[in-house]
Amino acid sequence: MCLAIPALLVEVDPSGEEGVVELWGVRRKVSLALLDREKLVPGKTYVIVHAGFAISVLDEEEARKTLELLEEVASAPRP
């Protein structure tokens, strides 16, 4: 099973090929090669990250809802 998660884009390198995303206080470098980099605004843009690649952009509300659901699943009691 594969999982792609939303994360906030916090940095874009000068080449525009890579960026840094943050999720729950953890920062990771990701490839931006699959996105239109002209639309990426560090600190405001949420991206879906899968296997080290930002694969799509989503709005803040959708990112927030998805992250809330992931937190709910993570905190659910285990059988």
N, C-alpha and C. Protein backbone atom coordinates (compact mmCIF):
# COMPACT_ATOMS: atom_id res chain seq x y z
N MET A 1 0.85 -1.17 0.00
CA MET A 1 0.00 0.00 0.00
C MET A 1 0.89 1.24 0.00
N CYS A 2 0.51 2.23 -0.75
CA CYS A 2 1.25 3.49 -0.82
C CYS A 2 0.45 4.57 -0.10
N LEU A 3 1.17 5.50 0.46
CA LEU A 3 0.53 6.61 1.14
C LEU A 3 1.20 7.91 0.72
N ALA A 4 0.41 8.86 0.30
CA ALA A 4 0.90 10.20 -0.02
C ALA A 4 0.28 11.14 1.01
N ILE A 5 1.08 12.07 1.52
CA ILE A 5 0.59 12.93 2.59
C ILE A 5 0.79 14.40 2.24
N PRO A 6 -0.08 15.27 2.77
CA PRO A 6 0.09 16.69 2.54
C PRO A 6 1.16 17.25 3.47
N ALA A 7 1.92 18.20 2.96
CA ALA A 7 2.94 18.88 3.76
C ALA A 7 3.07 20.30 3.26
N LEU A 8 3.48 21.18 4.14
CA LEU A 8 3.66 22.59 3.79
C LEU A 8 5.02 22.78 3.14
N LEU A 9 5.04 23.40 1.99
CA LEU A 9 6.30 23.74 1.33
C LEU A 9 6.90 24.94 2.06
N VAL A 10 8.11 24.79 2.58
CA VAL A 10 8.72 25.89 3.34
C VAL A 10 9.92 26.53 2.64
N GLU A 11 10.51 25.82 1.69
CA GLU A 11 11.65 26.36 0.94
C GLU A 11 11.65 25.81 -0.47
N VAL A 12 12.14 26.63 -1.40
CA VAL A 12 12.40 26.18 -2.77
C VAL A 12 13.83 26.57 -3.08
N ASP A 13 14.63 25.60 -3.56
CA ASP A 13 16.02 25.94 -3.86
C ASP A 13 16.08 26.84 -5.09
N PRO A 14 17.20 27.54 -5.30
CA PRO A 14 17.31 28.50 -6.41
C PRO A 14 17.03 27.90 -7.79
N SER A 15 17.34 26.63 -7.97
CA SER A 15 17.09 26.00 -9.27
C SER A 15 15.60 25.70 -9.48
N GLY A 16 14.87 25.62 -8.38
CA GLY A 16 13.45 25.27 -8.45
C GLY A 16 13.19 23.79 -8.58
N GLU A 17 14.24 22.99 -8.62
CA GLU A 17 14.09 21.55 -8.79
C GLU A 17 13.76 20.83 -7.49
N GLU A 18 14.21 21.38 -6.36
CA GLU A 18 13.98 20.76 -5.06
C GLU A 18 13.41 21.78 -4.09
N GLY A 19 12.78 21.25 -3.06
CA GLY A 19 12.25 22.10 -2.01
C GLY A 19 12.30 21.37 -0.69
N VAL A 20 11.91 22.07 0.35
CA VAL A 20 11.82 21.48 1.68
C VAL A 20 10.38 21.60 2.13
N VAL A 21 9.83 20.49 2.62
CA VAL A 21 8.48 20.49 3.16
C VAL A 21 8.54 20.21 4.66
N GLU A 22 7.48 20.62 5.36
CA GLU A 22 7.41 20.37 6.80
C GLU A 22 6.07 19.74 7.13
N LEU A 23 6.15 18.72 7.98
CA LEU A 23 4.96 18.05 8.47
C LEU A 23 5.19 17.68 9.92
N TRP A 24 4.36 18.19 10.80
CA TRP A 24 4.44 17.92 12.24
C TRP A 24 5.84 18.20 12.79
N GLY A 25 6.44 19.30 12.33
CA GLY A 25 7.75 19.72 12.84
C GLY A 25 8.94 19.03 12.20
N VAL A 26 8.69 18.11 11.27
CA VAL A 26 9.77 17.40 10.60
C VAL A 26 9.92 17.97 9.19
N ARG A 27 11.15 18.30 8.83
CA ARG A 27 11.43 18.83 7.49
C ARG A 27 12.16 17.80 6.65
N ARG A 28 11.76 17.73 5.37
CA ARG A 28 12.38 16.81 4.43
C ARG A 28 12.55 17.49 3.08
N LYS A 29 13.63 17.14 2.40
CA LYS A 29 13.87 17.62 1.06
C LYS A 29 13.05 16.78 0.09
N VAL A 30 12.41 17.43 -0.89
CA VAL A 30 11.60 16.72 -1.88
C VAL A 30 11.91 17.26 -3.27
N SER A 31 11.64 16.45 -4.27
CA SER A 31 11.75 16.89 -5.65
C SER A 31 10.49 17.65 -6.03
N LEU A 32 10.67 18.74 -6.75
CA LEU A 32 9.53 19.52 -7.25
C LEU A 32 9.38 19.35 -8.76
N ALA A 33 10.08 18.38 -9.33
CA ALA A 33 10.14 18.19 -10.78
C ALA A 33 8.78 17.95 -11.42
N LEU A 34 7.81 17.46 -10.67
CA LEU A 34 6.50 17.13 -11.25
C LEU A 34 5.49 18.27 -11.19
N LEU A 35 5.89 19.40 -10.60
CA LEU A 35 4.95 20.50 -10.38
C LEU A 35 5.32 21.74 -11.19
N ASP A 36 4.33 22.59 -11.41
CA ASP A 36 4.55 23.90 -12.01
C ASP A 36 5.11 24.81 -10.92
N ARG A 37 6.40 25.02 -10.93
CA ARG A 37 7.06 25.74 -9.84
C ARG A 37 6.68 27.21 -9.77
N GLU A 38 6.13 27.77 -10.82
CA GLU A 38 5.70 29.16 -10.78
C GLU A 38 4.54 29.37 -9.80
N LYS A 39 3.81 28.32 -9.49
CA LYS A 39 2.65 28.41 -8.59
C LYS A 39 3.00 28.09 -7.15
N LEU A 40 4.25 27.76 -6.86
CA LEU A 40 4.64 27.36 -5.51
C LEU A 40 5.09 28.56 -4.70
N VAL A 41 4.46 28.74 -3.53
CA VAL A 41 4.79 29.85 -2.64
C VAL A 41 5.21 29.28 -1.29
N PRO A 42 6.50 29.33 -0.98
CA PRO A 42 6.95 28.79 0.31
C PRO A 42 6.19 29.43 1.47
N GLY A 43 5.80 28.59 2.42
CA GLY A 43 5.06 29.05 3.58
C GLY A 43 3.56 29.14 3.38
N LYS A 44 3.09 28.96 2.13
CA LYS A 44 1.66 29.05 1.85
C LYS A 44 1.13 27.85 1.06
N THR A 45 1.99 27.21 0.30
CA THR A 45 1.56 26.13 -0.58
C THR A 45 1.68 24.78 0.12
N TYR A 46 0.59 24.00 0.06
CA TYR A 46 0.62 22.62 0.53
C TYR A 46 0.75 21.70 -0.68
N VAL A 47 1.58 20.69 -0.54
CA VAL A 47 1.78 19.73 -1.62
C VAL A 47 1.54 18.33 -1.08
N ILE A 48 1.18 17.43 -1.98
CA ILE A 48 1.07 16.02 -1.65
C ILE A 48 2.43 15.40 -1.94
N VAL A 49 2.99 14.72 -0.94
CA VAL A 49 4.32 14.13 -1.08
C VAL A 49 4.21 12.61 -1.09
N HIS A 50 4.87 12.00 -2.07
CA HIS A 50 4.92 10.54 -2.17
C HIS A 50 6.31 10.15 -2.65
N ALA A 51 6.96 9.29 -1.88
CA ALA A 51 8.26 8.73 -2.26
C ALA A 51 9.29 9.79 -2.62
N GLY A 52 9.28 10.89 -1.88
CA GLY A 52 10.28 11.92 -2.10
C GLY A 52 9.95 12.94 -3.18
N PHE A 53 8.77 12.82 -3.77
CA PHE A 53 8.33 13.74 -4.81
C PHE A 53 7.07 14.48 -4.37
N ALA A 54 7.04 15.78 -4.61
CA ALA A 54 5.79 16.53 -4.47
C ALA A 54 5.02 16.26 -5.75
N ILE A 55 3.86 15.60 -5.63
CA ILE A 55 3.16 15.14 -6.83
C ILE A 55 1.95 16.00 -7.20
N SER A 56 1.47 16.82 -6.28
CA SER A 56 0.37 17.74 -6.60
C SER A 56 0.26 18.81 -5.53
N VAL A 57 -0.47 19.85 -5.87
CA VAL A 57 -0.72 20.96 -4.96
C VAL A 57 -2.16 20.84 -4.48
N LEU A 58 -2.40 21.16 -3.20
CA LEU A 58 -3.77 21.19 -2.72
C LEU A 58 -3.97 22.41 -1.83
N ASP A 59 -5.23 22.79 -1.66
CA ASP A 59 -5.49 23.99 -0.88
C ASP A 59 -5.35 23.72 0.62
N GLU A 60 -5.19 24.79 1.37
CA GLU A 60 -4.92 24.67 2.81
C GLU A 60 -6.04 23.95 3.55
N GLU A 61 -7.27 24.20 3.20
CA GLU A 61 -8.41 23.57 3.89
C GLU A 61 -8.39 22.06 3.69
N GLU A 62 -8.16 21.62 2.47
CA GLU A 62 -8.10 20.18 2.20
C GLU A 62 -6.92 19.54 2.91
N ALA A 63 -5.78 20.23 2.94
CA ALA A 63 -4.61 19.72 3.66
C ALA A 63 -4.93 19.58 5.15
N ARG A 64 -5.56 20.58 5.72
CA ARG A 64 -5.90 20.55 7.15
C ARG A 64 -6.83 19.37 7.46
N LYS A 65 -7.86 19.19 6.65
CA LYS A 65 -8.79 18.08 6.87
C LYS A 65 -8.08 16.73 6.79
N THR A 66 -7.24 16.57 5.79
CA THR A 66 -6.51 15.31 5.62
C THR A 66 -5.58 15.05 6.80
N LEU A 67 -4.87 16.07 7.24
CA LEU A 67 -3.96 15.90 8.38
C LEU A 67 -4.72 15.58 9.66
N GLU A 68 -5.89 16.17 9.85
CA GLU A 68 -6.71 15.85 11.01
C GLU A 68 -7.12 14.38 10.98
N LEU A 69 -7.51 13.88 9.81
CA LEU A 69 -7.89 12.47 9.69
C LEU A 69 -6.70 11.55 9.97
N LEU A 70 -5.53 11.91 9.47
CA LEU A 70 -4.34 11.09 9.73
C LEU A 70 -4.00 11.07 11.22
N GLU A 71 -4.14 12.21 11.89
CA GLU A 71 -3.89 12.26 13.33
C GLU A 71 -4.90 11.40 14.09
N GLU A 72 -6.15 11.43 13.65
CA GLU A 72 -7.19 10.62 14.29
C GLU A 72 -6.88 9.14 14.13
N VAL A 73 -6.49 8.72 12.95
CA VAL A 73 -6.14 7.32 12.72
C VAL A 73 -4.94 6.93 13.56
N ALA A 74 -3.93 7.79 13.62
CA ALA A 74 -2.71 7.48 14.39
C ALA A 74 -2.98 7.35 15.87
N SER A 75 -3.98 8.07 16.38
CA SER A 75 -4.25 8.02 17.82
C SER A 75 -5.32 6.99 18.20
N ALA A 76 -5.87 6.31 17.21
CA ALA A 76 -6.90 5.30 17.50
C ALA A 76 -6.30 4.13 18.27
N PRO A 77 -7.08 3.55 19.20
CA PRO A 77 -6.58 2.39 19.95
C PRO A 77 -6.29 1.23 19.01
N ARG A 78 -5.25 0.50 19.33
CA ARG A 78 -4.86 -0.68 18.54
C ARG A 78 -5.52 -1.92 19.15
N PRO A 79 -5.98 -2.84 18.30
CA PRO A 79 -6.61 -4.07 18.82
C PRO A 79 -5.57 -4.97 19.46
